[in-house]
Protein backbone atom coordinates (compact mmCIF):
# COMPACT_ATOMS: atom_id res chain seq x y z
CA UNK A 1 -0.37 -4.72 -13.97
CA UNK A 2 0.67 -4.04 -10.37
CA UNK A 3 -0.86 -1.28 -8.30
CA UNK A 4 1.26 1.76 -7.47
CA UNK A 5 -0.26 2.23 -3.99
CA UNK A 6 2.94 1.31 -2.18
CA UNK A 7 4.91 4.16 -3.77
CA UNK A 8 3.18 6.32 -1.15
CA UNK A 9 4.90 4.46 1.72
CA UNK A 10 8.14 5.44 3.43
CA UNK A 11 9.97 2.83 1.38
CA UNK A 12 8.38 4.03 -1.87
CA UNK A 13 9.11 7.70 -1.14
CA UNK A 14 12.72 6.91 -0.27
CA UNK A 15 13.16 4.94 -3.49
CA UNK A 16 11.71 7.78 -5.57
CA UNK A 17 13.93 10.35 -3.84
CA UNK A 18 17.02 8.21 -4.47
CA UNK A 19 16.11 7.74 -8.12
CA UNK A 20 15.47 11.48 -8.55
CA UNK A 21 18.88 12.25 -7.05
CA UNK A 22 20.59 9.76 -9.36
CA UNK A 23 18.81 11.28 -12.38
CA UNK A 24 19.92 14.80 -11.35
CA UNK A 25 23.52 13.61 -10.97
CA UNK A 26 23.35 11.99 -14.42
CA UNK A 27 23.98 8.51 -13.01
CA UNK A 28 20.81 6.96 -14.49
CA UNK A 29 18.30 7.91 -17.14
CA UNK A 30 14.65 8.79 -16.39
CA UNK A 31 13.69 5.70 -18.41
CA UNK A 32 15.75 3.44 -16.13
CA UNK A 33 14.21 5.11 -13.05
CA UNK A 34 10.74 4.35 -14.39
CA UNK A 35 11.71 0.70 -14.96
CA UNK A 36 12.96 0.50 -11.36
CA UNK A 37 9.68 1.93 -10.04
CA UNK A 38 7.66 -0.53 -12.13
CA UNK A 39 9.76 -3.41 -10.77
CA UNK A 40 9.22 -2.07 -7.23
CA UNK A 41 5.44 -2.05 -7.82
CA UNK A 42 5.53 -5.64 -9.05
CA UNK A 43 7.83 -6.90 -6.29
CA UNK A 44 6.01 -5.25 -3.37
CA UNK A 45 2.60 -6.44 -4.57
CA UNK A 46 3.92 -9.98 -5.07
CA UNK A 47 5.70 -10.06 -1.69
CA UNK A 48 2.64 -8.88 0.20
CA UNK A 49 0.41 -11.38 -1.60
CA UNK A 50 2.70 -14.37 -1.03
CA UNK A 51 4.58 -13.74 2.22
CA UNK A 52 2.16 -12.04 4.60
CA UNK A 53 0.13 -14.63 6.50
CA UNK A 54 -1.10 -12.64 9.49
CA UNK A 55 -4.85 -12.21 9.75
CA UNK A 56 -6.37 -9.07 11.24
CA UNK A 57 -10.01 -8.40 11.99
CA UNK A 58 -11.37 -4.94 12.62
CA UNK A 59 -14.57 -3.12 13.43
CA UNK A 60 -15.48 0.52 13.61
CA UNK A 61 -17.99 3.14 12.62
CA UNK A 62 -18.16 3.75 8.86
CA UNK A 63 -17.74 7.45 8.10
CA UNK A 64 -17.57 7.46 4.27
CA UNK A 65 -17.08 5.02 1.43
CA UNK A 66 -16.50 5.28 -2.31
CA UNK A 67 -16.15 2.89 -5.24
CA UNK A 68 -14.42 4.35 -8.29
CA UNK A 69 -12.41 2.70 -11.08
CA UNK A 70 -12.62 -0.70 -9.36
CA UNK A 71 -11.12 0.70 -6.13
CA UNK A 72 -12.95 0.83 -2.80
CA UNK A 73 -12.06 3.58 -0.31
CA UNK A 74 -13.39 3.44 3.24
CA UNK A 75 -12.93 5.92 6.09
CA UNK A 76 -13.75 4.50 9.52
CA UNK A 77 -13.84 6.10 12.97
CA UNK A 78 -13.19 4.51 16.38
CA UNK A 79 -11.64 1.37 14.91
CA UNK A 80 -10.55 -1.71 16.85
CA UNK A 81 -8.03 -4.11 15.29
CA UNK A 82 -7.52 -7.68 16.53
CA UNK A 83 -4.69 -9.96 15.41
CA UNK A 84 -5.43 -13.69 15.34
CA UNK A 85 -4.64 -15.89 17.22
CA UNK A 86 -3.06 -13.53 19.81
CA UNK A 87 -6.24 -11.44 20.16
CA UNK A 88 -4.16 -8.32 20.86
CA UNK A 89 -6.40 -5.25 20.64
CA UNK A 90 -5.35 -1.93 19.08
CA UNK A 91 -7.69 1.07 19.00
CA UNK A 92 -7.37 4.07 16.68
CA UNK A 93 -9.51 7.15 16.12
CA UNK A 94 -9.57 7.14 12.30
CA UNK A 95 -8.51 4.77 9.48
CA UNK A 96 -8.56 5.09 5.71
CA UNK A 97 -8.64 1.79 3.80
CA UNK A 98 -7.99 1.56 0.06
CA UNK A 99 -8.87 -1.84 -1.40
CA UNK A 100 -8.07 -2.98 -4.95
CA UNK A 101 -8.83 -6.20 -6.78
CA UNK A 102 -5.76 -8.39 -6.42
CA UNK A 103 -6.90 -11.23 -8.68
CA UNK A 104 -6.06 -9.52 -11.97
CA UNK A 105 -2.32 -9.26 -11.19
């Protein structure tokens, strides 16, 4: 099963809005829209796992963390990100990281 985390991105929201509009216009069924969303989940998870090769390191001050249903959630303050090998530095005030086990997909 693929995670549905990426439905909450700009791309995911846009897809859902388009599917909702097509359902309202009677162009597709709700069942077909659900199949499209499930395929989106699978494709985006697979693409990120196989195509993204950039490595980023980061450090910051841990504000809160939680582990629930095999999902880690971290909130960090004053975070610095570094991209290898360029060593470009980006600083942000606050970051929320949601981490899921990718091995079971």
